[in-house]
Protein backbone atom coordinates (compact mmCIF):
# COMPACT_ATOMS: atom_id res chain seq x y z
CA MET A 1 -40.66 -69.27 -47.32
CA VAL A 2 -41.26 -65.80 -45.85
CA SER A 3 -39.04 -63.09 -47.35
CA ALA A 4 -38.76 -59.32 -47.52
CA ALA A 5 -36.69 -56.71 -49.34
CA ALA A 6 -33.61 -55.50 -47.49
CA PRO A 7 -33.72 -51.73 -46.76
CA GLY A 8 -30.02 -51.35 -47.56
CA CYS A 9 -29.47 -52.99 -50.93
CA GLY A 10 -33.02 -53.94 -51.87
CA GLY A 11 -32.07 -57.58 -52.14
CA GLU A 12 -34.00 -60.54 -50.82
CA GLY A 13 -34.12 -61.13 -47.09
CA ARG A 14 -35.02 -64.54 -45.72
CA TYR A 15 -36.82 -65.14 -42.46
CA ARG A 16 -34.48 -65.43 -39.48
CA ASP A 17 -36.52 -65.18 -36.27
CA THR A 18 -39.19 -63.17 -34.48
CA VAL A 19 -38.81 -60.53 -31.77
CA ILE A 20 -41.40 -58.88 -29.54
CA ARG A 21 -41.83 -55.12 -29.73
CA SER A 22 -43.76 -53.57 -26.85
CA VAL A 23 -45.57 -50.27 -27.56
CA THR A 24 -48.13 -48.27 -25.61
CA ASP A 25 -51.50 -47.61 -27.23
CA VAL A 26 -54.47 -45.45 -26.20
CA PRO A 27 -56.01 -46.37 -22.82
CA VAL A 28 -59.02 -48.68 -22.66
CA VAL A 29 -61.76 -47.91 -20.12
CA GLY A 30 -59.33 -45.69 -18.23
CA HIS A 31 -56.56 -48.29 -18.06
CA PRO A 32 -53.17 -48.20 -19.87
CA LEU A 33 -52.86 -50.55 -22.83
CA ARG A 34 -49.56 -52.14 -23.84
CA LEU A 35 -49.31 -53.98 -27.18
CA ARG A 36 -46.84 -56.82 -27.64
CA VAL A 37 -46.26 -57.05 -31.38
CA ARG A 38 -44.49 -59.99 -32.98
CA VAL A 39 -42.01 -58.52 -35.48
CA PRO A 40 -40.24 -60.91 -37.89
CA ARG A 41 -36.57 -60.38 -38.67
CA TYR A 42 -34.79 -61.31 -41.89
CA ARG A 43 -31.28 -62.01 -43.06
CA CYS A 44 -30.14 -60.46 -46.33
CA VAL A 45 -28.79 -63.01 -48.82
CA ASN A 46 -26.49 -60.40 -50.33
CA THR A 47 -23.15 -60.79 -48.58
CA ALA A 48 -22.12 -57.24 -49.58
CA CYS A 49 -25.14 -55.65 -47.87
CA GLU A 50 -24.31 -53.37 -44.95
CA ARG A 51 -27.30 -54.63 -42.93
CA GLU A 52 -27.07 -58.36 -42.61
CA VAL A 53 -30.14 -58.62 -40.33
CA PHE A 54 -33.16 -56.32 -40.47
CA ALA A 55 -36.63 -56.25 -38.93
CA HIS A 56 -39.98 -55.95 -40.62
CA ASN A 57 -41.02 -52.34 -41.23
CA THR A 58 -43.48 -51.32 -38.49
CA SER A 59 -43.34 -47.55 -39.10
CA ARG A 60 -47.08 -47.47 -39.82
CA LEU A 61 -47.70 -48.70 -36.30
CA ALA A 62 -45.12 -46.55 -34.49
CA ARG A 63 -42.24 -44.28 -35.35
CA PRO A 64 -38.82 -45.98 -35.26
CA GLY A 65 -37.43 -45.95 -31.74
CA TRP A 66 -40.66 -44.78 -30.13
CA SER A 67 -42.40 -46.68 -27.33
CA THR A 68 -45.90 -45.48 -28.33
CA THR A 69 -48.09 -46.05 -31.35
CA ARG A 70 -48.83 -43.19 -33.73
CA ARG A 71 -52.40 -43.25 -32.51
CA CYS A 72 -51.17 -42.86 -28.94
CA ALA A 73 -49.01 -39.89 -29.95
CA ARG A 74 -52.08 -38.19 -31.44
CA TYR A 75 -53.97 -38.97 -28.22
CA ILE A 76 -51.24 -37.25 -26.18
CA CYS A 77 -51.36 -34.13 -28.37
CA ARG A 78 -55.15 -33.98 -28.12
CA ARG A 79 -55.14 -34.31 -24.33
CA LEU A 80 -52.50 -31.59 -23.92
CA MET A 81 -53.60 -29.13 -26.62
CA ILE A 82 -57.38 -29.47 -26.70
CA ASP A 83 -58.34 -30.94 -23.33
CA ARG A 84 -55.64 -28.86 -21.58
CA ALA A 85 -54.56 -31.77 -19.42
CA THR A 86 -51.20 -31.70 -17.68
CA VAL A 87 -48.26 -33.88 -18.66
CA THR A 88 -48.45 -35.56 -15.26
CA ALA A 89 -52.12 -36.46 -15.78
CA VAL A 90 -51.39 -37.99 -19.20
CA THR A 91 -48.52 -40.04 -17.78
CA ARG A 92 -50.91 -41.60 -15.28
CA GLU A 93 -53.43 -42.40 -18.02
CA LEU A 94 -50.84 -44.13 -20.23
CA GLY A 95 -48.44 -45.55 -17.66
CA LEU A 96 -45.52 -43.72 -19.27
CA SER A 97 -42.75 -41.57 -17.83
CA TRP A 98 -42.99 -37.78 -17.73
CA ASP A 99 -40.02 -37.42 -20.11
CA THR A 100 -41.60 -39.74 -22.70
CA VAL A 101 -44.87 -37.80 -22.82
CA ASN A 102 -43.05 -34.47 -22.81
CA THR A 103 -40.75 -35.54 -25.67
CA ILE A 104 -43.72 -36.59 -27.81
CA ALA A 105 -45.40 -33.24 -27.15
CA LEU A 106 -42.23 -31.32 -28.04
CA ASP A 107 -41.72 -33.23 -31.29
CA ALA A 108 -45.35 -32.66 -32.29
CA THR A 109 -45.09 -28.95 -31.48
CA GLN A 110 -41.90 -28.58 -33.52
CA ALA A 111 -43.58 -30.29 -36.48
CA ILE A 112 -46.58 -27.96 -36.22
CA VAL A 113 -44.37 -24.89 -36.03
CA ALA A 114 -42.23 -26.05 -38.97
CA ASN A 115 -45.30 -26.60 -41.16
CA ASP A 116 -46.94 -23.29 -40.23
CA THR A 117 -44.84 -21.00 -42.42
CA GLY A 118 -47.23 -18.05 -42.04
CA ARG A 119 -47.43 -17.95 -38.25
CA LEU A 120 -45.33 -14.74 -38.10
CA ASP A 121 -47.39 -12.82 -40.66
CA GLY A 122 -48.96 -9.66 -39.26
CA VAL A 123 -47.10 -9.79 -35.92
CA ARG A 124 -46.52 -6.23 -34.66
CA VAL A 125 -46.39 -6.70 -30.87
CA ILE A 126 -44.52 -9.53 -29.18
CA GLY A 127 -44.20 -10.55 -25.55
CA VAL A 128 -41.11 -12.15 -24.03
CA ASP A 129 -40.83 -13.90 -20.67
CA GLU A 130 -39.09 -16.81 -19.01
CA HIS A 131 -40.71 -20.07 -17.94
CA ARG A 132 -39.51 -22.98 -15.84
CA TRP A 133 -40.02 -25.80 -18.34
CA SER A 134 -38.22 -28.64 -16.61
CA HIS A 135 -37.75 -29.18 -12.89
CA THR A 136 -35.03 -31.78 -13.44
CA ARG A 137 -31.47 -30.51 -13.50
CA ARG A 138 -29.44 -31.69 -16.48
CA PRO A 139 -25.80 -30.96 -17.30
CA GLY A 140 -25.51 -27.63 -19.08
CA GLU A 141 -29.22 -26.75 -18.62
CA ASP A 142 -31.10 -24.72 -16.04
CA GLY A 143 -34.59 -25.93 -17.00
CA TYR A 144 -35.77 -22.51 -18.23
CA VAL A 145 -37.02 -21.47 -21.65
CA THR A 146 -37.71 -18.07 -23.21
CA VAL A 147 -41.36 -17.81 -24.23
CA ILE A 148 -42.20 -15.59 -27.22
CA ILE A 149 -45.85 -14.79 -27.89
CA ASP A 150 -47.86 -12.67 -30.30
CA LEU A 151 -49.75 -9.89 -28.50
CA THR A 152 -51.10 -8.24 -31.65
CA PRO A 153 -54.62 -9.76 -31.28
CA VAL A 154 -54.78 -8.50 -27.68
CA LEU A 155 -53.80 -4.98 -28.70
CA ASP A 156 -56.25 -4.97 -31.61
CA GLY A 157 -59.02 -6.54 -29.52
CA THR A 158 -59.50 -9.38 -31.99
CA GLY A 159 -58.49 -12.37 -29.86
CA ARG A 160 -56.14 -13.89 -27.33
CA ALA A 161 -52.35 -14.01 -27.27
CA ARG A 162 -50.73 -16.65 -29.46
CA LEU A 163 -47.62 -18.71 -28.78
CA LEU A 164 -44.89 -18.18 -31.35
CA ASP A 165 -41.94 -20.15 -30.04
CA LEU A 166 -40.01 -21.55 -27.06
CA VAL A 167 -36.26 -21.02 -26.95
CA PRO A 168 -34.01 -22.94 -24.52
CA GLY A 169 -32.40 -20.69 -21.91
CA ARG A 170 -33.31 -17.34 -20.38
CA SER A 171 -30.61 -14.95 -21.53
CA ALA A 172 -30.02 -12.14 -23.98
CA ALA A 173 -28.35 -14.65 -26.31
CA ALA A 174 -31.49 -16.83 -26.37
CA LEU A 175 -33.74 -14.00 -27.55
CA LYS A 176 -31.08 -12.51 -29.83
CA SER A 177 -30.50 -15.82 -31.63
CA TRP A 178 -34.25 -16.26 -32.20
CA LEU A 179 -34.65 -12.75 -33.59
CA THR A 180 -31.61 -13.22 -35.81
CA ASP A 181 -33.15 -16.36 -37.32
CA GLN A 182 -36.27 -14.46 -38.37
CA SER A 183 -36.59 -12.52 -41.61
CA ARG A 184 -35.69 -8.88 -41.93
CA ALA A 185 -39.29 -8.09 -42.84
CA PHE A 186 -40.49 -9.56 -39.56
CA ARG A 187 -37.98 -7.57 -37.48
CA ASP A 188 -38.90 -4.34 -39.26
CA ARG A 189 -42.61 -4.99 -38.66
CA VAL A 190 -42.34 -5.38 -34.87
CA GLU A 191 -43.36 -2.14 -33.14
CA VAL A 192 -43.54 -3.08 -29.44
CA VAL A 193 -41.76 -5.67 -27.28
CA ALA A 194 -43.36 -6.32 -23.88
CA MET A 195 -41.15 -8.05 -21.30
CA ASP A 196 -40.27 -8.28 -17.63
CA GLY A 197 -37.56 -6.22 -15.97
CA PHE A 198 -34.71 -8.47 -17.09
CA GLY A 199 -32.05 -6.33 -18.75
CA GLY A 200 -30.85 -9.13 -21.01
CA TYR A 201 -34.10 -9.28 -22.97
CA LYS A 202 -34.09 -5.50 -23.38
CA THR A 203 -30.51 -5.55 -24.65
CA ALA A 204 -31.37 -8.17 -27.28
CA ALA A 205 -34.50 -6.27 -28.33
CA VAL A 206 -32.63 -2.98 -28.70
CA GLU A 207 -29.88 -4.62 -30.78
CA GLN A 208 -32.16 -6.58 -33.12
CA LEU A 209 -35.29 -4.38 -33.16
CA ALA A 210 -33.91 -0.87 -33.28
CA GLU A 211 -37.24 0.71 -34.28
CA ALA A 212 -39.35 -1.15 -31.70
CA THR A 213 -40.34 0.22 -28.30
CA ALA A 214 -39.44 -1.91 -25.29
CA VAL A 215 -42.03 -1.79 -22.47
CA MET A 216 -42.72 -3.72 -19.29
CA ASP A 217 -45.78 -5.95 -19.48
CA PRO A 218 -48.77 -5.23 -17.18
CA PHE A 219 -48.23 -8.31 -15.02
CA HIS A 220 -44.71 -7.31 -14.04
CA VAL A 221 -45.72 -3.67 -13.56
CA VAL A 222 -48.35 -4.72 -11.00
CA ALA A 223 -45.96 -7.24 -9.43
CA LEU A 224 -43.23 -4.60 -9.07
CA ALA A 225 -45.66 -2.08 -7.58
CA GLY A 226 -46.94 -4.70 -5.14
CA ALA A 227 -43.41 -5.59 -4.06
CA LYS A 228 -42.57 -1.92 -3.41
CA LEU A 229 -45.77 -1.46 -1.39
CA ASP A 230 -44.87 -4.53 0.68
CA GLN A 231 -41.43 -3.08 1.40
CA CYS A 232 -42.97 0.23 2.46
CA ARG A 233 -45.53 -1.51 4.69
CA GLN A 234 -42.80 -3.59 6.33
CA ARG A 235 -40.74 -0.48 7.11
CA ILE A 236 -43.78 1.23 8.64
CA GLN A 237 -44.75 -1.76 10.78
CA GLN A 238 -41.30 -2.70 12.00
CA PRO A 239 -40.25 -1.58 15.53
CA PRO A 240 -38.70 1.94 15.65
CA THR A 241 -34.93 2.20 15.77
CA ARG A 242 -32.53 4.95 16.64
CA THR A 243 -32.10 5.98 13.02
CA THR A 244 -35.53 5.33 11.50
CA SER A 245 -38.92 6.59 12.57
CA PRO A 246 -41.78 4.05 12.31
CA SER A 247 -43.84 6.57 10.35
CA ASN A 248 -41.17 7.27 7.75
CA CYS A 249 -41.33 4.68 4.93
CA ALA A 250 -38.64 6.49 2.95
CA GLY A 251 -36.03 5.63 5.57
CA VAL A 252 -35.09 9.25 6.30
CA SER A 253 -33.92 9.81 9.87
CA THR A 254 -36.41 11.89 11.88
CA ASN A 255 -35.45 10.72 15.37
CA ALA A 256 -35.67 13.37 18.10
CA SER A 257 -31.98 12.89 18.85
CA SER A 258 -31.15 14.14 15.37
CA LEU A 259 -33.11 17.41 15.77
CA PRO A 260 -31.38 20.61 16.99
CA THR A 261 -31.48 21.18 20.79
CA PRO A 262 -33.57 24.20 21.79
CA THR A 263 -31.59 27.07 23.34
CA PRO A 264 -32.77 29.03 26.39
CA THR A 265 -33.54 31.99 24.13
CA ASP A 266 -35.79 29.82 22.01
CA ALA A 267 -37.57 28.53 25.08
CA ALA A 268 -38.17 32.04 26.43
CA ALA A 269 -39.50 33.23 23.12
CA ARG A 270 -42.26 30.64 23.18
CA PRO A 271 -45.72 31.97 24.24
């Protein structure tokens, strides 16, 4: 007779029936692969046990509640992190939904960040910006995240920028809460915070990083200058009006009707 130990009380569990668990594995020759695994279920003989019926432990194959194998989860991380594939491309390879692949990537990233306790060591310059993470509207969410990166290697000329964290939302509270969660030593070590023109990020940086200098990052400086040049060009090229001369990009009225009318004395005095 097939039996197994009950996870609740540790008592004997006798075979009850078999169920089919369907999980996605790595693709084969470019085609999605779905495994149908026969999982036996048992009934605990201990009447006081909280779990009367339990299934065979398949955690080595796949995490509880997941629809992919552990090997498939590693494949997803490799395609996104090393091969730099998009989430949409991976969903087509595996035949999974966008949310499933994205959730696996998020969980893996959180585990990596949690295990890397020294990722904030030596950080002196950070960059802050917003990013549209999800294009699906959910209740209470706008789909944006606050991206925090380490710009110290760029400033020192030793390497590329490095991602530090992603915080849900794009507000002063999002950045402030992240800075508050960091150690005092980290906040004292930060010298420069590069960001866009959003006042909320600057407010949070000034409150939490009193000794740091807040600057606008080069991308947004160029973008702002380009936008102002476009506005000036549009004012120059637009048809003249009664109040604005086509050659005056500052918008100051230089129309002839606004100039003083010459007097006869002025006209006679002309050569």
